[in-house]
Protein backbone atom coordinates (compact mmCIF):
# COMPACT_ATOMS: atom_id res chain seq x y z
CA UNK A 1 -77.67 201.94 -219.87
CA UNK A 2 -74.65 200.48 -218.12
CA UNK A 3 -73.99 201.39 -214.51
CA UNK A 4 -71.39 200.07 -212.11
CA UNK A 5 -71.56 200.70 -208.37
CA UNK A 6 -68.80 199.69 -205.97
CA UNK A 7 -69.25 199.08 -202.25
CA UNK A 8 -67.44 197.46 -199.36
CA UNK A 9 -64.50 199.80 -198.87
CA UNK A 10 -63.45 201.11 -195.49
CA UNK A 11 -60.71 201.33 -192.90
CA UNK A 12 -59.00 198.03 -192.12
CA UNK A 13 -55.95 197.05 -190.11
CA UNK A 14 -52.98 195.51 -191.86
CA UNK A 15 -53.33 191.75 -192.05
CA UNK A 16 -57.11 191.90 -192.29
CA UNK A 17 -59.39 191.01 -195.18
CA UNK A 18 -61.94 192.91 -197.21
CA UNK A 19 -64.42 192.04 -199.93
CA UNK A 20 -65.36 194.74 -202.39
CA UNK A 21 -68.52 194.40 -204.44
CA UNK A 22 -69.40 195.79 -207.84
CA UNK A 23 -73.07 195.72 -208.78
CA UNK A 24 -73.71 196.24 -212.47
CA UNK A 25 -76.80 196.97 -214.51
CA UNK A 26 -77.40 196.76 -218.22
CA UNK A 27 -78.46 193.69 -220.14
CA UNK A 28 -75.17 193.11 -221.95
CA UNK A 29 -72.65 193.55 -219.13
CA UNK A 30 -72.72 189.87 -218.22
CA UNK A 31 -71.32 189.05 -221.68
CA UNK A 32 -68.19 191.16 -221.34
CA UNK A 33 -65.02 191.23 -219.24
CA UNK A 34 -64.96 193.06 -215.94
CA UNK A 35 -61.99 194.42 -214.07
CA UNK A 36 -60.75 196.16 -210.95
CA UNK A 37 -58.29 199.03 -210.90
CA UNK A 38 -57.00 201.13 -208.05
CA UNK A 39 -55.46 204.56 -207.66
CA UNK A 40 -53.42 205.64 -204.68
CA UNK A 41 -52.83 209.33 -203.88
CA UNK A 42 -50.24 210.80 -206.21
CA UNK A 43 -50.00 207.64 -208.30
CA UNK A 44 -51.34 206.50 -211.63
CA UNK A 45 -54.28 204.18 -211.88
CA UNK A 46 -53.11 200.57 -211.57
CA UNK A 47 -54.58 197.36 -212.95
CA UNK A 48 -55.57 194.94 -210.19
CA UNK A 49 -57.53 192.09 -211.74
CA UNK A 50 -59.88 191.12 -214.55
CA UNK A 51 -62.28 188.28 -215.24
CA UNK A 52 -63.72 186.83 -218.42
CA UNK A 53 -67.50 186.84 -219.00
CA UNK A 54 -67.83 183.16 -218.10
CA UNK A 55 -65.60 183.50 -215.07
CA UNK A 56 -63.22 180.79 -216.29
CA UNK A 57 -60.28 183.08 -216.96
CA UNK A 58 -58.83 185.59 -214.53
CA UNK A 59 -55.89 187.95 -214.75
CA UNK A 60 -54.03 189.64 -211.93
CA UNK A 61 -51.60 192.50 -211.68
CA UNK A 62 -48.26 191.81 -210.04
CA UNK A 63 -49.32 193.49 -206.81
CA UNK A 64 -52.48 191.39 -206.62
CA UNK A 65 -51.12 187.91 -207.22
CA UNK A 66 -51.55 185.60 -204.27
CA UNK A 67 -53.74 187.85 -202.09
CA UNK A 68 -56.57 188.94 -204.40
CA UNK A 69 -59.34 186.97 -206.05
CA UNK A 70 -62.00 188.24 -208.46
CA UNK A 71 -65.14 186.13 -208.59
CA UNK A 72 -68.24 187.19 -210.47
CA UNK A 73 -71.89 186.15 -210.37
CA UNK A 74 -73.67 187.04 -213.59
CA UNK A 75 -77.01 185.76 -212.30
CA UNK A 76 -76.77 188.25 -209.44
CA UNK A 77 -75.09 190.89 -211.64
CA UNK A 78 -72.18 191.30 -209.26
CA UNK A 79 -68.43 191.08 -209.28
CA UNK A 80 -66.24 190.95 -206.21
CA UNK A 81 -62.68 191.61 -205.18
CA UNK A 82 -61.56 189.57 -202.20
CA UNK A 83 -58.41 190.99 -200.63
CA UNK A 84 -56.59 189.02 -197.95
CA UNK A 85 -53.64 189.96 -195.77
CA UNK A 86 -54.10 193.66 -196.48
CA UNK A 87 -51.03 195.88 -196.51
CA UNK A 88 -50.77 199.66 -196.11
CA UNK A 89 -49.64 199.76 -199.76
CA UNK A 90 -53.14 198.55 -200.71
CA UNK A 91 -54.57 201.91 -199.63
CA UNK A 92 -56.28 203.39 -202.69
CA UNK A 93 -59.57 204.14 -204.35
CA UNK A 94 -60.75 200.94 -206.02
CA UNK A 95 -62.74 201.11 -209.24
CA UNK A 96 -64.65 198.44 -211.08
CA UNK A 97 -64.89 198.66 -214.83
CA UNK A 98 -66.54 196.90 -217.74
CA UNK A 99 -64.94 196.27 -221.12
CA UNK A 100 -67.95 196.46 -223.41
CA UNK A 101 -66.13 196.10 -226.68
CA UNK A 102 -64.69 193.49 -228.99
CA UNK A 103 -62.16 192.32 -229.87
CA UNK A 104 -60.10 192.27 -226.69
CA UNK A 105 -56.52 193.35 -227.25
CA UNK A 106 -55.58 193.81 -223.62
CA UNK A 107 -57.05 192.86 -220.27
CA UNK A 108 -54.84 195.19 -218.25
CA UNK A 109 -54.96 198.56 -220.04
CA UNK A 110 -57.43 200.96 -218.49
CA UNK A 111 -58.22 202.56 -221.86
CA UNK A 112 -59.73 199.25 -222.99
CA UNK A 113 -62.49 199.56 -220.38
CA UNK A 114 -65.52 201.53 -221.49
CA UNK A 115 -67.60 201.95 -218.33
CA UNK A 116 -66.48 202.77 -214.80
CA UNK A 117 -67.90 202.95 -211.31
CA UNK A 118 -67.42 205.87 -208.96
CA UNK A 119 -64.87 204.09 -206.78
CA UNK A 120 -64.70 202.98 -203.17
CA UNK A 121 -61.97 203.99 -200.72
CA UNK A 122 -59.87 201.35 -199.02
CA UNK A 123 -57.56 202.50 -196.24
CA UNK A 124 -55.21 200.08 -194.52
CA UNK A 125 -53.67 201.13 -191.23
CA UNK A 126 -50.37 199.71 -190.00
């Protein structure tokens, strides 16, 4: 059974940094892409970043380029989202997701991801 559990959210001042963690369970998860999405109040869920199973390819949404990185550690069964220079616009619930399917037709569409965590709140104060 696949489970994804996010942690690391909280209240941070603008300009600060935060590292979100996603711990996953299930034997096959390490062989599939993982991603981060976020949803701000009153807005649609937004793609943030994704990473290939081997960690060699990463993809970032426009709002994440330059300030976000998405490393993963399959041995430890964890994925991370490092966010630097936080902005109030980064305030949202952040979700990690696994794309346990093939073939891959899109890395950024949320309907391609089959398993989701419960989310962790990130609030950035100005």
